[in-house]
C-alpha cells in the first residue's frame, strides 16, 4: 500500500458508497467498525476500495473521525 499522504482518499471516504454486501449503498465513512474489523481480519479487497476501507478502519480505530466532519459538510452542500 502507498503510504504517501493523499488528501483525495479522505474526500473519497465521504463521497463513495460501499458497492456490495450488507452495507451496499452506505458511505464508506459510515460503515460500522465491526464490519471494518471483519475486513481487517479476512483481508481488505484489492485496489482502491481496499485502500479506502483500510483507511477508514484506521481512522475509526484511532478515534479520528472528526477529521472527516469538515469534508462531510463541504460535500453535502
C-alpha atoms as a PDB file:
ATOM      1  CA  UNK A   1       0.000   0.000   0.000  1.00  0.00           C
ATOM      2  CA  UNK A   2       1.191   3.518  -0.789  1.00  0.00           C
ATOM      3  CA  UNK A   3       1.970   5.304   2.493  1.00  0.00           C
ATOM      4  CA  UNK A   4       2.279   8.738   0.902  1.00  0.00           C
ATOM      5  CA  UNK A   5      -0.381  11.207   2.122  1.00  0.00           C
ATOM      6  CA  UNK A   6      -3.238  11.566  -0.338  1.00  0.00           C
ATOM      7  CA  UNK A   7      -5.953  14.102   0.518  1.00  0.00           C
ATOM      8  CA  UNK A   8      -8.184  12.638  -2.202  1.00  0.00           C
ATOM      9  CA  UNK A   9      -8.530   9.474  -0.097  1.00  0.00           C
ATOM     10  CA  UNK A  10     -10.266  11.449   2.654  1.00  0.00           C
ATOM     11  CA  UNK A  11     -12.624  13.070   0.148  1.00  0.00           C
ATOM     12  CA  UNK A  12     -13.425   9.681  -1.342  1.00  0.00           C
ATOM     13  CA  UNK A  13     -14.370   8.323   2.088  1.00  0.00           C
ATOM     14  CA  UNK A  14     -17.244  10.808   2.320  1.00  0.00           C
ATOM     15  CA  UNK A  15     -18.267  10.538  -1.359  1.00  0.00           C
ATOM     16  CA  UNK A  16     -18.026   6.843  -2.259  1.00  0.00           C
ATOM     17  CA  UNK A  17     -20.591   4.265  -1.193  1.00  0.00           C
ATOM     18  CA  UNK A  18     -19.980   0.607  -0.445  1.00  0.00           C
ATOM     19  CA  UNK A  19     -20.542  -1.216  -3.747  1.00  0.00           C
ATOM     20  CA  UNK A  20     -21.571  -4.633  -2.360  1.00  0.00           C
ATOM     21  CA  UNK A  21     -22.620  -6.648   0.657  1.00  0.00           C
ATOM     22  CA  UNK A  22     -24.837  -5.975   3.627  1.00  0.00           C
ATOM     23  CA  UNK A  23     -23.885  -2.291   3.659  1.00  0.00           C
ATOM     24  CA  UNK A  24     -24.199  -1.698  -0.093  1.00  0.00           C
ATOM     25  CA  UNK A  25     -25.069   1.967  -0.653  1.00  0.00           C
ATOM     26  CA  UNK A  26     -23.616   3.145   2.665  1.00  0.00           C
ATOM     27  CA  UNK A  27     -20.964   5.856   2.519  1.00  0.00           C
ATOM     28  CA  UNK A  28     -17.609   4.319   3.406  1.00  0.00           C
ATOM     29  CA  UNK A  29     -17.184   6.781   6.281  1.00  0.00           C
ATOM     30  CA  UNK A  30     -20.462   5.496   7.780  1.00  0.00           C
ATOM     31  CA  UNK A  31     -19.583   1.802   7.804  1.00  0.00           C
ATOM     32  CA  UNK A  32     -19.693   0.310  11.320  1.00  0.00           C
ATOM     33  CA  UNK A  33     -16.383  -0.518  12.936  1.00  0.00           C
ATOM     34  CA  UNK A  34     -17.289  -4.205  13.404  1.00  0.00           C
ATOM     35  CA  UNK A  35     -17.708  -4.533   9.622  1.00  0.00           C
ATOM     36  CA  UNK A  36     -14.320  -2.924   9.059  1.00  0.00           C
ATOM     37  CA  UNK A  37     -12.792  -5.197  11.709  1.00  0.00           C
ATOM     38  CA  UNK A  38     -14.135  -8.190   9.804  1.00  0.00           C
ATOM     39  CA  UNK A  39     -12.404  -6.972   6.637  1.00  0.00           C
ATOM     40  CA  UNK A  40      -9.222  -6.362   8.606  1.00  0.00           C
ATOM     41  CA  UNK A  41      -9.265  -9.978   9.796  1.00  0.00           C
ATOM     42  CA  UNK A  42     -10.273 -11.510   6.451  1.00  0.00           C
ATOM     43  CA  UNK A  43      -8.319  -9.166   4.198  1.00  0.00           C
ATOM     44  CA  UNK A  44      -9.302  -5.931   2.543  1.00  0.00           C
ATOM     45  CA  UNK A  45     -10.228  -6.127  -1.146  1.00  0.00           C
ATOM     46  CA  UNK A  46      -7.597  -5.341  -3.761  1.00  0.00           C
ATOM     47  CA  UNK A  47      -7.294  -1.904  -5.314  1.00  0.00           C
ATOM     48  CA  UNK A  48      -8.732   1.448  -4.387  1.00  0.00           C
ATOM     49  CA  UNK A  49     -11.683   0.072  -2.409  1.00  0.00           C
ATOM     50  CA  UNK A  50      -9.342  -1.921  -0.176  1.00  0.00           C
ATOM     51  CA  UNK A  51      -7.185   1.145   0.392  1.00  0.00           C
ATOM     52  CA  UNK A  52     -10.238   3.204   1.303  1.00  0.00           C
ATOM     53  CA  UNK A  53     -11.604   0.552   3.678  1.00  0.00           C
ATOM     54  CA  UNK A  54      -8.211   0.186   5.365  1.00  0.00           C
ATOM     55  CA  UNK A  55      -8.004   3.968   5.699  1.00  0.00           C
ATOM     56  CA  UNK A  56     -11.439   4.371   7.291  1.00  0.00           C
ATOM     57  CA  UNK A  57     -10.653   1.427   9.578  1.00  0.00           C
ATOM     58  CA  UNK A  58      -7.514   3.169  10.845  1.00  0.00           C
ATOM     59  CA  UNK A  59      -9.361   6.471  11.227  1.00  0.00           C
ATOM     60  CA  UNK A  60     -12.126   4.879  13.306  1.00  0.00           C
ATOM     61  CA  UNK A  61      -9.732   2.659  15.270  1.00  0.00           C
ATOM     62  CA  UNK A  62      -7.765   5.736  16.338  1.00  0.00           C
ATOM     63  CA  UNK A  63     -10.807   7.925  17.075  1.00  0.00           C
ATOM     64  CA  UNK A  64     -10.035  10.393  14.288  1.00  0.00           C
ATOM     65  CA  UNK A  65     -13.497  10.569  12.692  1.00  0.00           C
ATOM     66  CA  UNK A  66     -13.645  14.286  13.458  1.00  0.00           C
ATOM     67  CA  UNK A  67     -11.147  14.758  10.600  1.00  0.00           C
ATOM     68  CA  UNK A  68     -13.943  13.899   8.187  1.00  0.00           C
ATOM     69  CA  UNK A  69     -16.546  16.313   9.606  1.00  0.00           C
ATOM     70  CA  UNK A  70     -15.476  19.351   7.529  1.00  0.00           C
ATOM     71  CA  UNK A  71     -15.367  17.205   4.390  1.00  0.00           C
ATOM     72  CA  UNK A  72     -18.863  15.860   5.072  1.00  0.00           C
ATOM     73  CA  UNK A  73     -20.251  19.381   5.445  1.00  0.00           C
ATOM     74  CA  UNK A  74     -18.478  20.567   2.325  1.00  0.00           C
ATOM     75  CA  UNK A  75     -19.836  17.683   0.251  1.00  0.00           C
ATOM     76  CA  UNK A  76     -23.463  17.972   1.385  1.00  0.00           C
ATOM     77  CA  UNK A  77     -23.894  21.495   0.078  1.00  0.00           C
END
